[in-house]
Protein backbone atom coordinates (compact mmCIF):
# COMPACT_ATOMS: atom_id res chain seq x y z
CA MET A 1 57.90 1.47 37.12
CA SER A 2 60.32 4.25 36.12
CA GLN A 3 58.91 7.76 36.19
CA THR A 4 61.53 9.18 33.91
CA ILE A 5 61.10 9.83 30.18
CA PRO A 6 63.87 9.92 27.55
CA GLN A 7 63.33 13.53 26.76
CA GLN A 8 61.08 16.38 27.74
CA MET A 9 57.60 16.36 26.14
CA VAL A 10 55.33 19.28 25.41
CA ILE A 11 51.54 19.44 25.67
CA GLU A 12 49.88 22.32 23.89
CA ASN A 13 46.53 24.17 24.44
CA VAL A 14 46.38 23.52 28.18
CA ILE A 15 43.99 25.30 30.53
CA GLN A 16 45.38 26.00 34.03
CA SER A 17 42.94 26.59 36.90
CA LYS A 18 42.44 25.69 40.53
CA MET A 19 40.31 23.17 42.35
CA ARG A 20 39.91 23.71 46.06
CA GLY A 21 43.24 25.55 46.13
CA LYS A 22 45.01 22.89 44.04
CA VAL A 23 46.45 23.81 40.65
CA ILE A 24 45.04 21.64 37.88
CA TYR A 25 45.64 21.27 34.12
CA GLN A 26 43.10 20.24 31.46
CA SER A 27 43.74 19.32 27.90
CA ASN A 28 44.06 16.27 25.69
CA VAL A 29 46.94 14.32 24.15
CA PRO A 30 47.30 11.59 21.50
CA ALA A 31 46.84 8.11 22.93
CA SER A 32 50.51 7.24 22.28
CA VAL A 33 51.57 10.19 24.41
CA ALA A 34 49.12 9.35 27.20
CA LEU A 35 50.53 5.82 27.36
CA ASN A 36 54.14 7.13 27.53
CA LEU A 37 53.46 9.88 30.05
CA THR A 38 51.63 7.86 32.76
CA PHE A 39 52.50 5.15 35.25
CA VAL A 40 50.51 3.15 37.77
CA LYS A 41 51.16 2.55 41.47
CA PRO A 42 50.17 -1.06 42.13
CA TYR A 43 48.59 -1.92 45.46
CA ASP A 44 51.60 -4.21 46.35
CA ASP A 45 54.22 -1.55 45.59
CA LEU A 46 57.31 -1.95 47.79
CA THR A 47 56.96 1.69 48.95
CA GLY A 48 53.74 0.82 50.72
CA LYS A 49 52.09 3.70 49.00
CA GLY A 50 50.58 1.79 46.06
CA TYR A 51 46.83 1.44 45.65
CA GLN A 52 45.82 0.41 42.10
CA ARG A 53 44.15 -2.91 41.44
CA PRO A 54 45.48 -5.31 38.76
CA VAL A 55 44.06 -4.53 35.30
CA ASP A 56 41.01 -6.59 34.30
CA PRO A 57 41.68 -7.67 30.66
CA LYS A 58 37.94 -8.10 30.00
CA ARG A 59 37.17 -4.46 31.00
CA CYS A 60 39.96 -3.27 28.71
CA HIS A 61 38.65 -5.48 25.89
CA ASP A 62 35.07 -4.15 26.41
CA PHE A 63 36.27 -0.57 26.28
CA ALA A 64 38.28 -1.26 23.12
CA LEU A 65 35.06 -2.64 21.54
CA TYR A 66 33.19 0.47 22.71
CA LEU A 67 35.83 2.71 21.00
CA SER A 68 35.26 0.80 17.77
CA ARG A 69 31.85 2.51 17.47
CA GLY A 70 33.62 5.58 16.16
CA ASP A 71 32.62 9.17 16.90
CA ASN A 72 29.79 8.13 19.17
CA ALA A 73 32.22 6.48 21.60
CA LEU A 74 32.68 9.35 24.04
CA PHE A 75 34.41 8.92 27.33
CA THR A 76 35.45 10.91 30.41
CA PRO A 77 38.91 12.37 31.04
CA ILE A 78 41.54 10.34 32.91
CA LEU A 79 42.73 11.70 36.19
CA LEU A 80 46.43 12.31 36.82
CA ASN A 81 48.87 13.52 39.43
CA ALA A 82 51.73 15.30 37.68
CA CYS A 83 53.84 14.94 40.81
CA SER A 84 55.44 18.40 40.17
CA GLN A 85 56.99 16.94 37.04
CA TRP A 86 54.97 19.18 34.72
CA GLU A 87 55.49 22.92 34.43
CA PHE A 88 52.95 25.30 32.94
CA THR A 89 53.95 28.31 30.73
CA ALA A 90 51.29 30.75 29.55
CA TYR A 91 51.25 31.74 25.90
CA ASP A 92 51.11 35.47 26.81
CA LYS A 93 50.19 37.74 29.70
CA HIS A 94 46.77 38.45 28.25
CA ARG A 95 45.87 34.76 28.48
CA PRO A 96 47.52 33.63 31.73
CA SER A 97 45.39 30.46 32.01
CA LEU A 98 46.11 29.14 28.49
CA GLY A 99 49.46 27.72 27.60
CA ARG A 100 51.65 24.69 27.29
CA LEU A 101 53.01 22.05 29.73
CA LEU A 102 56.65 21.08 29.74
CA CYS A 103 56.71 17.48 30.96
CA LYS A 104 59.95 16.33 32.54
CA GLY A 105 58.61 13.05 33.94
CA LYS A 106 55.59 10.79 34.02
CA SER A 107 52.38 11.45 35.87
CA SER A 108 50.67 9.02 38.23
CA LEU A 109 47.40 7.61 36.79
CA MET A 110 44.80 7.84 39.53
CA ASP A 111 41.60 7.07 37.58
CA GLY A 112 41.30 5.64 34.12
CA GLN A 113 43.46 2.55 34.18
CA HIS A 114 41.02 0.42 32.20
CA ARG A 115 40.22 3.26 29.77
CA LEU A 116 43.92 3.55 28.91
CA GLY A 117 44.20 -0.23 28.72
CA GLY A 118 41.29 -0.34 26.28
CA ILE A 119 42.74 2.57 24.30
CA LYS A 120 46.10 0.80 24.07
CA ARG A 121 44.43 -2.34 22.70
CA TYR A 122 42.31 -0.30 20.28
CA ILE A 123 45.25 1.58 18.77
CA GLN A 124 47.27 -1.60 18.51
CA GLU A 125 44.50 -3.45 16.66
CA THR A 126 43.40 -0.59 14.37
CA ASN A 127 46.77 1.17 13.88
CA ALA A 128 44.89 4.40 14.59
CA ASP A 129 45.39 7.09 17.21
CA ILE A 130 42.82 8.97 19.30
CA MET A 131 42.94 12.01 21.54
CA VAL A 132 42.70 11.29 25.27
CA PRO A 133 41.33 14.03 27.55
CA PHE A 134 42.90 14.42 30.95
CA LEU A 135 42.65 16.44 34.18
CA ALA A 136 45.94 16.58 36.07
CA PHE A 137 46.76 17.89 39.46
CA HIS A 138 50.07 19.76 39.50
CA SER A 139 51.08 17.99 42.70
CA LEU A 140 49.36 15.77 45.34
CA ASP A 141 51.33 14.02 48.00
CA GLU A 142 51.02 10.25 48.16
CA ASP A 143 48.44 10.25 51.01
CA GLU A 144 46.27 12.85 49.13
CA GLU A 145 46.46 10.68 46.01
CA ILE A 146 45.42 7.51 47.86
CA HIS A 147 42.58 9.35 49.60
CA LEU A 148 41.21 10.72 46.33
CA PHE A 149 41.42 7.34 44.68
CA ASP A 150 39.53 5.77 47.60
CA THR A 151 36.86 8.48 47.45
CA ILE A 152 36.31 7.98 43.69
CA ASN A 153 35.98 4.27 43.97
CA THR A 154 34.00 3.94 47.15
CA LYS A 155 31.92 7.11 47.67
CA ALA A 156 30.85 7.73 44.09
CA LYS A 157 27.78 5.72 43.19
CA GLY A 158 27.12 4.31 39.75
CA ILE A 159 23.79 5.06 38.10
CA GLY A 160 22.70 1.42 38.42
CA PRO A 161 21.49 -0.97 35.75
CA SER A 162 17.83 0.14 35.83
CA LEU A 163 18.49 3.78 35.10
CA SER A 164 21.14 2.70 32.54
CA LYS A 165 18.47 0.63 30.70
CA TYR A 166 16.10 3.65 30.84
CA LEU A 167 18.73 5.89 29.25
CA ARG A 168 19.21 3.33 26.46
CA ARG A 169 15.48 2.98 25.67
CA ASP A 170 15.82 4.75 22.29
CA SER A 171 18.57 2.42 21.07
CA ASP A 172 17.65 -0.92 22.73
CA GLU A 173 14.36 -2.71 22.10
CA LEU A 174 14.04 -4.52 25.42
CA SER A 175 14.94 -1.36 27.33
CA TRP A 176 12.13 0.48 25.47
CA ILE A 177 9.57 -2.26 26.15
CA ALA A 178 10.58 -2.53 29.85
CA THR A 179 10.22 1.29 30.18
CA GLU A 180 6.81 1.21 28.50
CA LEU A 181 5.67 -1.52 30.91
CA LEU A 182 6.53 0.81 33.82
CA ILE A 183 5.15 4.05 32.56
CA ARG A 184 1.89 3.04 30.78
CA ASN A 185 -1.31 3.15 32.80
CA ASP A 186 -2.59 -0.02 31.12
CA SER A 187 0.42 -2.03 32.28
CA PRO A 188 0.13 -4.32 35.38
CA PHE A 189 3.60 -3.07 36.45
CA HIS A 190 2.70 0.61 36.38
CA ASN A 191 2.08 0.96 40.11
CA ILE A 192 4.56 -1.70 41.37
CA GLY A 193 7.68 -0.82 39.39
CA SER A 194 10.67 1.54 39.77
CA ILE A 195 12.51 3.07 36.79
CA ILE A 196 15.54 4.18 38.74
CA GLY A 197 15.99 0.87 40.48
CA LYS A 198 15.22 2.08 43.99
CA ARG A 199 12.75 -0.24 45.66
CA ALA A 200 10.16 1.22 48.01
CA LYS A 201 7.00 -0.01 49.64
CA GLY A 202 4.71 -1.14 46.92
CA ARG A 203 7.37 -0.77 44.19
CA HIS A 204 9.40 -3.96 44.27
CA ILE A 205 10.04 -4.52 40.59
CA THR A 206 12.83 -2.56 38.91
CA LEU A 207 13.25 -1.74 35.25
CA GLN A 208 16.33 -4.04 35.32
CA ASN A 209 14.08 -6.88 36.60
CA LEU A 210 11.68 -6.32 33.75
CA TYR A 211 14.49 -6.15 31.16
CA ARG A 212 15.76 -9.54 32.38
CA THR A 213 12.34 -11.16 32.40
CA LEU A 214 11.51 -9.83 28.91
CA HIS A 215 14.70 -11.42 27.66
CA PHE A 216 13.34 -14.79 28.83
CA LEU A 217 9.99 -14.05 27.22
CA PHE A 218 11.46 -13.23 23.75
CA LYS A 219 14.51 -15.45 23.87
CA LYS A 220 13.52 -17.75 20.96
CA ASP A 221 14.96 -16.75 17.58
CA GLU A 222 11.62 -16.18 15.87
CA ALA A 223 10.19 -14.18 18.78
CA ALA A 224 13.30 -12.05 18.86
CA LEU A 225 12.46 -10.94 15.28
CA PHE A 226 9.11 -9.48 16.22
CA PRO A 227 8.84 -5.67 15.86
CA LYS A 228 9.22 -3.96 19.21
CA GLU A 229 5.62 -2.75 19.08
CA GLU A 230 4.41 -6.26 18.65
CA LYS A 231 6.62 -7.49 21.49
CA LEU A 232 5.11 -4.77 23.74
CA LYS A 233 1.56 -5.79 22.75
CA ILE A 234 2.34 -9.42 23.55
CA ALA A 235 3.95 -8.60 26.83
CA LEU A 236 1.09 -6.35 27.89
CA PHE A 237 -1.47 -8.99 27.00
CA TYR A 238 0.45 -11.85 28.75
CA TYR A 239 1.21 -10.07 32.04
CA ASN A 240 -2.21 -8.30 32.15
CA THR A 241 -3.97 -11.63 31.71
CA ILE A 242 -1.90 -13.13 34.50
CA LYS A 243 -2.82 -10.19 36.76
CA GLU A 244 -6.49 -10.54 35.90
CA THR A 245 -6.40 -14.32 36.53
CA PHE A 246 -4.63 -13.82 39.92
CA SER A 247 -5.82 -10.32 40.81
CA TYR A 248 -5.53 -10.69 44.56
CA GLU A 249 -2.23 -12.55 44.47
CA TRP A 250 -0.68 -9.95 42.12
CA LEU A 251 -1.30 -7.11 44.61
CA ASP A 252 -0.37 -9.09 47.76
CA TYR A 253 3.43 -9.05 47.56
CA THR A 254 3.94 -10.20 51.18
CA GLY A 255 1.47 -13.06 51.13
CA HIS A 256 1.94 -14.30 47.57
CA ARG A 257 5.07 -14.80 45.38
CA ILE A 258 3.67 -14.31 41.90
CA THR A 259 5.31 -10.90 41.47
CA HIS A 260 8.52 -11.94 43.21
CA ILE A 261 11.38 -11.92 40.63
CA CYS A 262 11.98 -15.65 40.82
CA CYS A 263 8.32 -16.44 39.98
CA LEU A 264 7.99 -13.63 37.49
CA ASP A 265 11.08 -15.01 35.60
CA ALA A 266 9.49 -18.47 35.70
CA LEU A 267 6.33 -17.13 34.09
CA SER A 268 8.39 -15.43 31.38
CA ILE A 269 10.55 -18.50 30.78
CA ALA A 270 7.40 -20.69 30.47
CA ALA A 271 5.73 -18.33 28.03
CA GLY A 272 8.94 -17.92 25.98
CA THR A 273 9.16 -21.67 25.67
CA ILE A 274 5.74 -22.00 23.99
CA LEU A 275 5.27 -18.54 22.52
CA ASP A 276 5.67 -19.85 18.95
CA LYS A 277 2.46 -21.87 19.40
CA TYR A 278 0.51 -18.66 19.57
CA PHE A 279 2.62 -16.16 17.56
CA SER A 280 4.66 -16.70 14.40
CA LEU A 281 5.68 -14.31 11.69
CA GLU A 282 6.48 -17.10 9.34
CA LYS A 283 3.23 -19.00 9.83
CA LYS A 284 1.24 -15.78 10.30
CA ILE A 285 -0.14 -16.93 13.62
CA ASN A 286 -1.52 -14.31 16.07
CA ASP A 287 -3.60 -16.23 18.55
CA TYR A 288 -4.23 -14.23 21.68
CA SER A 289 -7.33 -16.28 22.58
CA SER A 290 -5.48 -19.55 22.84
CA MET A 291 -2.72 -17.90 24.88
CA ALA A 292 -5.39 -16.60 27.31
CA ARG A 293 -6.85 -20.06 27.65
CA ALA A 294 -3.39 -21.45 28.41
CA ILE A 295 -2.96 -18.87 31.14
CA GLN A 296 -6.33 -19.82 32.60
CA ASN A 297 -4.99 -23.34 33.09
CA LEU A 298 -2.62 -21.96 35.72
CA LYS A 299 -5.49 -21.29 38.15
CA SER A 300 -4.43 -24.43 40.07
CA ILE A 301 -1.10 -22.92 41.09
CA ASP A 302 -0.75 -21.93 44.67
CA TRP A 303 1.33 -18.75 44.72
CA SER A 304 1.13 -18.23 48.53
CA SER A 305 4.36 -17.43 50.37
CA THR A 306 3.64 -20.34 52.77
CA GLY A 307 3.05 -22.86 50.04
CA HIS A 308 5.39 -25.12 48.03
CA LEU A 309 6.96 -22.08 46.33
CA ARG A 310 8.26 -20.58 49.51
CA TYR A 311 11.71 -22.11 49.05
CA LEU A 312 12.07 -21.18 45.38
CA LYS A 313 15.25 -19.17 44.70
CA GLY A 314 17.46 -18.13 41.86
CA LEU A 315 17.49 -18.97 38.16
CA SER A 316 17.51 -22.67 38.86
CA GLY A 317 14.29 -22.26 40.86
CA SER A 318 12.72 -20.19 38.07
CA LYS A 319 13.60 -22.85 35.44
CA SER A 320 12.15 -25.61 37.65
CA LEU A 321 8.90 -23.79 38.13
CA ALA A 322 8.78 -22.84 34.45
CA ASN A 323 8.82 -26.52 33.48
CA GLU A 324 5.81 -27.13 35.76
CA LEU A 325 4.01 -24.11 34.34
CA VAL A 326 4.56 -25.20 30.73
CA ASN A 327 3.12 -28.67 31.41
CA ILE A 328 0.01 -27.08 32.94
CA MET A 329 -0.38 -24.45 30.18
CA ILE A 330 -0.30 -26.82 27.23
CA LYS A 331 -2.26 -29.70 28.76
């Protein structure tokens, strides 16, 4: 892709500073300018110095949807290498770090390819424009650029789905319920769960695991309409009753599979299938006693790690076991 531009462009209100001895610029530009002032070095570039992956259209689409939320859709600056094509001029000698950039050519986009792709789609579909923040190095050689890209995409760790769910607990019902199940003393998951997603001895269930299993429990349309407080109450009752029914098995993670994710999902799928027999907003049913009796019917299940459940794996295994559990619970 050509790095030239038809005519010199100017970026105002730029802050110049240094990072580890490298000159950097920080500011923001309209999306249309950002798209015209950047280029990407694909991994199969003929120069042998390319490194960028092909754009994933779904990620761009998802980011465009995120931007449609309006003012709450904040995002991080894109990272650029100006390749010595941008020159900084201070406004005056009293403010040597504040000025404008004279852009004679395009900058190399090191990080933010999907953000810019989503921004492009967003402005095309809405006919709007947004400001795009950036951080640009004045000049990195090609090897420095590749090394920084590699560091960003291999060394940096994401926060993980569990911590992400925790951070969304005020805006997402299931995230809130899953969090409550981990932090409340009266929850059977309190001492065996991890909010940040890091498993350790005795803490083998993550917040993400609980989020997923709660999705199975409240999957039916009517159950999904329950207030979150009612959902929490039902979840606490259901899992506490299971723990009380299988108290030894619940605490013996090595010897029994009842709290293994596959079996926990099966228990949730099974309960979700028949939940409307015990709870219904429309029919005004709120029958905890019958639900407890249904759980008692499961006493015949052998949860041992050496029994018939030892080969159970994945969602297909969970669904298979759930069918067996439903038949026993409603007999």
